[in-house]
Amino acid sequence: MKLFYAPGACSLSPHIALREAGLPFTMEKVDLRAKATESGADFKAINPKGYVPALELDNGHVVTEGPVIVQMIADMAPESGLAPAFGSTERYQLMDWLAFISTELHKGFSPLFNPSLKDEAKQSFKDRLALRFAFLTEALGDKPYLMGDKFSVADGYLFTVLRWAKGFKFDVGAKLDAYFDRVAARPAVKEALQAEGLLSA
């Protein structure tokens, strides 16, 4: 498999999942402005949507939506425990978290990356995100991870979004800060960050 990624973008989530699952894969960096891969290929020919992540499977099929990719990775390595069994109540809880992170957090951050957006509009998005982080803090409670005691693909996705929050100087509170540090300390997460040039050796 080959993961097409941009350093620190939402492709970090499947990157973490691949390393947590112990699956073999290669990586190719994408210049999102030029829509070109590191080897010079036209990225829009690989993913017509023009954004990362994109995971090219061994059979040549390309999957392009992060929440789907991470579940697929978990299902490829069920022994990793990255997702509960398909069809179980717990699996739907995981899907619920992935949908929440994708629609309420990930998309909430998208406008903040737009340099032409006025400060007043940015503050509106930040206020909405603050409400979502407050909900997360309450939902997390005393659990080490979103699904309880076990790390799941939802944690890799939330960690990715929390990295952006830190970049925008969000105060997400002590509980989410501790959660972030707990996920950051995982060996597979460190490996992913280092491979993307986001962590010094």
C-alpha atoms as a PDB file:
ATOM      1  CA  MET A   1       0.000   0.000   0.000  1.00  0.00           C
ATOM      2  CA  LYS A   2       1.028   3.585  -0.542  1.00  0.00           C
ATOM      3  CA  LEU A   3      -0.097   6.533   1.594  1.00  0.00           C
ATOM      4  CA  PHE A   4      -0.166   9.921  -0.080  1.00  0.00           C
ATOM      5  CA  TYR A   5       0.255  12.555   2.622  1.00  0.00           C
ATOM      6  CA  ALA A   6       1.095  16.153   3.439  1.00  0.00           C
ATOM      7  CA  PRO A   7       3.055  16.693   6.675  1.00  0.00           C
ATOM      8  CA  GLY A   8       0.749  17.400   9.615  1.00  0.00           C
ATOM      9  CA  ALA A   9      -2.408  17.341   7.491  1.00  0.00           C
ATOM     10  CA  CYS A  10      -5.349  15.018   8.186  1.00  0.00           C
ATOM     11  CA  SER A  11      -3.372  12.246   6.444  1.00  0.00           C
ATOM     12  CA  LEU A  12      -1.469  11.955   9.729  1.00  0.00           C
ATOM     13  CA  SER A  13      -4.474  10.027  11.087  1.00  0.00           C
ATOM     14  CA  PRO A  14      -4.239   7.051   8.653  1.00  0.00           C
ATOM     15  CA  HIS A  15      -0.449   7.275   8.892  1.00  0.00           C
ATOM     16  CA  ILE A  16      -0.710   6.666  12.652  1.00  0.00           C
ATOM     17  CA  ALA A  17      -3.236   3.869  12.053  1.00  0.00           C
ATOM     18  CA  LEU A  18      -0.930   2.098   9.588  1.00  0.00           C
ATOM     19  CA  ARG A  19       1.946   2.162  12.068  1.00  0.00           C
ATOM     20  CA  GLU A  20      -0.253   1.111  14.996  1.00  0.00           C
ATOM     21  CA  ALA A  21      -1.570  -1.782  12.869  1.00  0.00           C
ATOM     22  CA  GLY A  22       1.939  -2.862  11.871  1.00  0.00           C
ATOM     23  CA  LEU A  23       0.978  -3.043   8.190  1.00  0.00           C
ATOM     24  CA  PRO A  24       3.590  -2.650   5.430  1.00  0.00           C
ATOM     25  CA  PHE A  25       3.259   0.566   3.415  1.00  0.00           C
ATOM     26  CA  THR A  26       5.197   3.230   1.580  1.00  0.00           C
ATOM     27  CA  MET A  27       4.667   6.980   1.698  1.00  0.00           C
ATOM     28  CA  GLU A  28       4.693   9.718  -0.895  1.00  0.00           C
ATOM     29  CA  LYS A  29       4.515  13.394  -0.021  1.00  0.00           C
ATOM     30  CA  VAL A  30       2.044  15.606  -1.874  1.00  0.00           C
ATOM     31  CA  ASP A  31       2.399  19.301  -2.664  1.00  0.00           C
ATOM     32  CA  LEU A  32      -1.240  20.311  -2.177  1.00  0.00           C
ATOM     33  CA  ARG A  33      -0.839  23.670  -3.900  1.00  0.00           C
ATOM     34  CA  ALA A  34       0.808  22.234  -7.004  1.00  0.00           C
ATOM     35  CA  LYS A  35      -1.309  19.036  -6.845  1.00  0.00           C
ATOM     36  CA  ALA A  36       1.855  17.051  -7.515  1.00  0.00           C
ATOM     37  CA  THR A  37       3.509  14.179  -5.684  1.00  0.00           C
ATOM     38  CA  GLU A  38       7.130  14.086  -4.608  1.00  0.00           C
ATOM     39  CA  SER A  39       7.961  11.860  -7.600  1.00  0.00           C
ATOM     40  CA  GLY A  40       6.389  14.370  -9.992  1.00  0.00           C
ATOM     41  CA  ALA A  41       3.074  12.616 -10.606  1.00  0.00           C
ATOM     42  CA  ASP A  42      -0.169  14.515 -11.099  1.00  0.00           C
ATOM     43  CA  PHE A  43      -1.924  14.013  -7.768  1.00  0.00           C
ATOM     44  CA  LYS A  44      -5.351  14.773  -9.252  1.00  0.00           C
ATOM     45  CA  ALA A  45      -4.900  11.711 -11.456  1.00  0.00           C
ATOM     46  CA  ILE A  46      -4.520   9.693  -8.240  1.00  0.00           C
ATOM     47  CA  ASN A  47      -7.212  11.486  -6.249  1.00  0.00           C
ATOM     48  CA  PRO A  48      -9.444  13.758  -8.383  1.00  0.00           C
ATOM     49  CA  LYS A  49     -10.590  15.495  -5.159  1.00  0.00           C
ATOM     50  CA  GLY A  50      -7.082  16.945  -4.921  1.00  0.00           C
ATOM     51  CA  TYR A  51      -6.606  16.515  -1.183  1.00  0.00           C
ATOM     52  CA  VAL A  52      -5.006  14.047   1.196  1.00  0.00           C
ATOM     53  CA  PRO A  53      -5.203  11.414   2.476  1.00  0.00           C
ATOM     54  CA  ALA A  54      -5.232   8.915  -0.348  1.00  0.00           C
ATOM     55  CA  LEU A  55      -4.347   5.286   0.247  1.00  0.00           C
ATOM     56  CA  GLU A  56      -3.485   3.197  -2.789  1.00  0.00           C
ATOM     57  CA  LEU A  57      -4.177  -0.464  -2.109  1.00  0.00           C
ATOM     58  CA  ASP A  58      -2.157  -3.393  -3.401  1.00  0.00           C
ATOM     59  CA  ASN A  59      -4.776  -3.942  -6.132  1.00  0.00           C
ATOM     60  CA  GLY A  60      -4.410  -0.331  -7.338  1.00  0.00           C
ATOM     61  CA  HIS A  61      -7.717   0.884  -5.881  1.00  0.00           C
ATOM     62  CA  VAL A  62      -7.464   4.264  -4.142  1.00  0.00           C
ATOM     63  CA  VAL A  63      -9.486   5.162  -1.017  1.00  0.00           C
ATOM     64  CA  THR A  64      -9.668   8.872  -0.239  1.00  0.00           C
ATOM     65  CA  GLU A  65     -11.729   9.609   2.882  1.00  0.00           C
ATOM     66  CA  GLY A  66      -9.884   9.488   6.202  1.00  0.00           C
ATOM     67  CA  PRO A  67     -12.599   7.980   8.436  1.00  0.00           C
ATOM     68  CA  VAL A  68     -13.117   5.164   5.923  1.00  0.00           C
ATOM     69  CA  ILE A  69      -9.388   4.596   5.430  1.00  0.00           C
ATOM     70  CA  VAL A  70      -8.688   4.202   9.148  1.00  0.00           C
ATOM     71  CA  GLN A  71     -11.515   1.690   9.600  1.00  0.00           C
ATOM     72  CA  MET A  72     -10.260  -0.269   6.621  1.00  0.00           C
ATOM     73  CA  ILE A  73      -6.755  -0.316   8.121  1.00  0.00           C
ATOM     74  CA  ALA A  74      -8.162  -1.551  11.442  1.00  0.00           C
ATOM     75  CA  ASP A  75     -10.082  -4.302   9.643  1.00  0.00           C
ATOM     76  CA  MET A  76      -6.934  -5.382   7.810  1.00  0.00           C
ATOM     77  CA  ALA A  77      -5.254  -5.975  11.181  1.00  0.00           C
ATOM     78  CA  PRO A  78      -8.059  -7.057  13.554  1.00  0.00           C
ATOM     79  CA  GLU A  79      -5.510  -8.340  16.053  1.00  0.00           C
ATOM     80  CA  SER A  80      -4.379  -4.728  16.587  1.00  0.00           C
ATOM     81  CA  GLY A  81      -7.672  -3.899  18.304  1.00  0.00           C
ATOM     82  CA  LEU A  82      -7.787  -0.504  16.569  1.00  0.00           C
ATOM     83  CA  ALA A  83     -11.522  -0.921  15.960  1.00  0.00           C
ATOM     84  CA  PRO A  84     -14.195  -3.118  17.542  1.00  0.00           C
ATOM     85  CA  ALA A  85     -15.738  -5.900  15.466  1.00  0.00           C
ATOM     86  CA  PHE A  86     -17.913  -4.707  12.603  1.00  0.00           C
ATOM     87  CA  GLY A  87     -21.603  -4.856  13.477  1.00  0.00           C
ATOM     88  CA  SER A  88     -21.008  -4.539  17.222  1.00  0.00           C
ATOM     89  CA  THR A  89     -22.455  -1.691  19.297  1.00  0.00           C
ATOM     90  CA  GLU A  90     -18.893  -0.606  20.059  1.00  0.00           C
ATOM     91  CA  ARG A  91     -18.103  -0.348  16.343  1.00  0.00           C
ATOM     92  CA  TYR A  92     -20.972   2.063  15.871  1.00  0.00           C
ATOM     93  CA  GLN A  93     -19.694   4.072  18.829  1.00  0.00           C
ATOM     94  CA  LEU A  94     -16.332   4.286  17.063  1.00  0.00           C
ATOM     95  CA  MET A  95     -18.030   5.377  13.836  1.00  0.00           C
ATOM     96  CA  ASP A  96     -19.933   7.982  15.849  1.00  0.00           C
ATOM     97  CA  TRP A  97     -16.636   9.402  17.134  1.00  0.00           C
ATOM     98  CA  LEU A  98     -15.080   9.393  13.660  1.00  0.00           C
ATOM     99  CA  ALA A  99     -18.097  11.263  12.253  1.00  0.00           C
ATOM    100  CA  PHE A 100     -17.975  13.805  15.098  1.00  0.00           C
ATOM    101  CA  ILE A 101     -14.250  14.440  14.637  1.00  0.00           C
ATOM    102  CA  SER A 102     -14.673  14.716  10.871  1.00  0.00           C
ATOM    103  CA  THR A 103     -17.678  17.023  10.744  1.00  0.00           C
ATOM    104  CA  GLU A 104     -17.542  19.003  13.983  1.00  0.00           C
ATOM    105  CA  LEU A 105     -13.780  19.373  14.518  1.00  0.00           C
ATOM    106  CA  HIS A 106     -11.886  18.731  11.279  1.00  0.00           C
ATOM    107  CA  LYS A 107     -14.236  20.818   9.128  1.00  0.00           C
ATOM    108  CA  GLY A 108     -14.452  23.409  11.875  1.00  0.00           C
ATOM    109  CA  PHE A 109     -10.727  24.015  11.541  1.00  0.00           C
ATOM    110  CA  SER A 110     -10.703  24.233   7.741  1.00  0.00           C
ATOM    111  CA  PRO A 111     -11.641  27.958   7.568  1.00  0.00           C
ATOM    112  CA  LEU A 112      -8.899  28.857  10.045  1.00  0.00           C
ATOM    113  CA  PHE A 113      -6.268  27.752   7.524  1.00  0.00           C
ATOM    114  CA  ASN A 114      -7.582  30.379   5.072  1.00  0.00           C
ATOM    115  CA  PRO A 115      -5.279  33.429   5.387  1.00  0.00           C
ATOM    116  CA  SER A 116      -7.855  35.720   3.721  1.00  0.00           C
ATOM    117  CA  LEU A 117     -10.553  35.015   6.340  1.00  0.00           C
ATOM    118  CA  LYS A 118     -11.218  38.058   8.521  1.00  0.00           C
ATOM    119  CA  ASP A 119     -10.450  37.887  12.241  1.00  0.00           C
ATOM    120  CA  GLU A 120     -14.099  38.339  13.176  1.00  0.00           C
ATOM    121  CA  ALA A 121     -15.103  35.300  11.120  1.00  0.00           C
ATOM    122  CA  LYS A 122     -12.197  33.286  12.516  1.00  0.00           C
ATOM    123  CA  GLN A 123     -13.318  34.086  16.060  1.00  0.00           C
ATOM    124  CA  SER A 124     -16.786  32.758  15.256  1.00  0.00           C
ATOM    125  CA  PHE A 125     -15.300  29.438  14.153  1.00  0.00           C
ATOM    126  CA  LYS A 126     -13.025  29.351  17.203  1.00  0.00           C
ATOM    127  CA  ASP A 127     -15.999  29.908  19.524  1.00  0.00           C
ATOM    128  CA  ARG A 128     -17.846  27.002  17.926  1.00  0.00           C
ATOM    129  CA  LEU A 129     -14.797  24.759  18.230  1.00  0.00           C
ATOM    130  CA  ALA A 130     -14.442  25.709  21.906  1.00  0.00           C
ATOM    131  CA  LEU A 131     -17.938  24.288  22.510  1.00  0.00           C
ATOM    132  CA  ARG A 132     -16.941  21.043  20.788  1.00  0.00           C
ATOM    133  CA  PHE A 133     -13.799  20.770  22.914  1.00  0.00           C
ATOM    134  CA  ALA A 134     -15.887  21.329  26.037  1.00  0.00           C
ATOM    135  CA  PHE A 135     -18.132  18.446  24.984  1.00  0.00           C
ATOM    136  CA  LEU A 136     -15.074  16.263  24.337  1.00  0.00           C
ATOM    137  CA  THR A 137     -13.656  17.009  27.778  1.00  0.00           C
ATOM    138  CA  GLU A 138     -16.890  15.891  29.407  1.00  0.00           C
ATOM    139  CA  ALA A 139     -17.280  12.820  27.182  1.00  0.00           C
ATOM    140  CA  LEU A 140     -13.705  11.703  27.802  1.00  0.00           C
ATOM    141  CA  GLY A 141     -14.211  11.807  31.555  1.00  0.00           C
ATOM    142  CA  ASP A 142     -11.575   9.706  33.291  1.00  0.00           C
ATOM    143  CA  LYS A 143     -11.039   7.382  30.312  1.00  0.00           C
ATOM    144  CA  PRO A 144      -7.522   7.261  28.855  1.00  0.00           C
ATOM    145  CA  TYR A 145      -8.911   7.026  25.292  1.00  0.00           C
ATOM    146  CA  LEU A 146     -12.164   7.858  23.514  1.00  0.00           C
ATOM    147  CA  MET A 147     -13.384   4.254  23.532  1.00  0.00           C
ATOM    148  CA  GLY A 148     -12.155   3.497  27.051  1.00  0.00           C
ATOM    149  CA  ASP A 149      -8.922   1.751  28.020  1.00  0.00           C
ATOM    150  CA  LYS A 150      -7.930   0.837  24.462  1.00  0.00           C
ATOM    151  CA  PHE A 151      -6.451   3.129  21.807  1.00  0.00           C
ATOM    152  CA  SER A 152      -8.526   3.183  18.600  1.00  0.00           C
ATOM    153  CA  VAL A 153      -8.312   4.804  15.171  1.00  0.00           C
ATOM    154  CA  ALA A 154     -10.547   7.598  16.519  1.00  0.00           C
ATOM    155  CA  ASP A 155      -7.747   8.586  18.899  1.00  0.00           C
ATOM    156  CA  GLY A 156      -5.270   8.935  16.044  1.00  0.00           C
ATOM    157  CA  TYR A 157      -7.734  11.222  14.253  1.00  0.00           C
ATOM    158  CA  LEU A 158      -8.488  13.324  17.346  1.00  0.00           C
ATOM    159  CA  PHE A 159      -4.763  13.647  18.059  1.00  0.00           C
ATOM    160  CA  THR A 160      -4.244  14.996  14.525  1.00  0.00           C
ATOM    161  CA  VAL A 161      -6.910  17.664  15.050  1.00  0.00           C
ATOM    162  CA  LEU A 162      -5.593  18.554  18.513  1.00  0.00           C
ATOM    163  CA  ARG A 163      -2.184  19.225  16.906  1.00  0.00           C
ATOM    164  CA  TRP A 164      -3.903  21.916  14.841  1.00  0.00           C
ATOM    165  CA  ALA A 165      -5.547  23.300  17.982  1.00  0.00           C
ATOM    166  CA  LYS A 166      -2.116  23.669  19.548  1.00  0.00           C
ATOM    167  CA  GLY A 167      -0.866  25.390  16.391  1.00  0.00           C
ATOM    168  CA  PHE A 168      -3.680  27.942  16.709  1.00  0.00           C
ATOM    169  CA  LYS A 169      -2.930  28.405  20.428  1.00  0.00           C
ATOM    170  CA  PHE A 170      -6.249  26.954  21.581  1.00  0.00           C
ATOM    171  CA  ASP A 171      -6.605  26.378  25.300  1.00  0.00           C
ATOM    172  CA  VAL A 172      -8.295  22.958  25.243  1.00  0.00           C
ATOM    173  CA  GLY A 173      -7.929  22.442  28.994  1.00  0.00           C
ATOM    174  CA  ALA A 174      -5.847  20.192  31.224  1.00  0.00           C
ATOM    175  CA  LYS A 175      -7.780  17.003  30.473  1.00  0.00           C
ATOM    176  CA  LEU A 176      -7.373  17.217  26.691  1.00  0.00           C
ATOM    177  CA  ASP A 177      -3.768  18.366  27.117  1.00  0.00           C
ATOM    178  CA  ALA A 178      -3.073  15.204  29.155  1.00  0.00           C
ATOM    179  CA  TYR A 179      -4.909  13.109  26.539  1.00  0.00           C
ATOM    180  CA  PHE A 180      -2.806  14.682  23.768  1.00  0.00           C
ATOM    181  CA  ASP A 181       0.428  13.930  25.634  1.00  0.00           C
ATOM    182  CA  ARG A 182      -0.692  10.324  26.267  1.00  0.00           C
ATOM    183  CA  VAL A 183      -1.316   9.718  22.562  1.00  0.00           C
ATOM    184  CA  ALA A 184       1.874  11.590  21.558  1.00  0.00           C
ATOM    185  CA  ALA A 185       3.920   9.245  23.765  1.00  0.00           C
ATOM    186  CA  ARG A 186       2.840   6.127  21.846  1.00  0.00           C
ATOM    187  CA  PRO A 187       5.758   4.659  19.835  1.00  0.00           C
ATOM    188  CA  ALA A 188       3.764   4.410  16.590  1.00  0.00           C
ATOM    189  CA  VAL A 189       2.642   8.028  16.909  1.00  0.00           C
ATOM    190  CA  LYS A 190       6.216   9.179  17.496  1.00  0.00           C
ATOM    191  CA  GLU A 191       7.325   7.193  14.433  1.00  0.00           C
ATOM    192  CA  ALA A 192       4.630   8.807  12.276  1.00  0.00           C
ATOM    193  CA  LEU A 193       5.518  12.314  13.453  1.00  0.00           C
ATOM    194  CA  GLN A 194       9.209  11.698  12.851  1.00  0.00           C
ATOM    195  CA  ALA A 195       8.585  10.231   9.380  1.00  0.00           C
ATOM    196  CA  GLU A 196       6.648  13.376   8.429  1.00  0.00           C
ATOM    197  CA  GLY A 197       9.400  15.649   9.751  1.00  0.00           C
ATOM    198  CA  LEU A 198       7.235  16.880  12.620  1.00  0.00           C
ATOM    199  CA  LEU A 199       9.422  15.558  15.402  1.00  0.00           C
ATOM    200  CA  SER A 200      13.150  15.898  15.871  1.00  0.00           C
ATOM    201  CA  ALA A 201      15.126  12.682  16.145  1.00  0.00           C
END
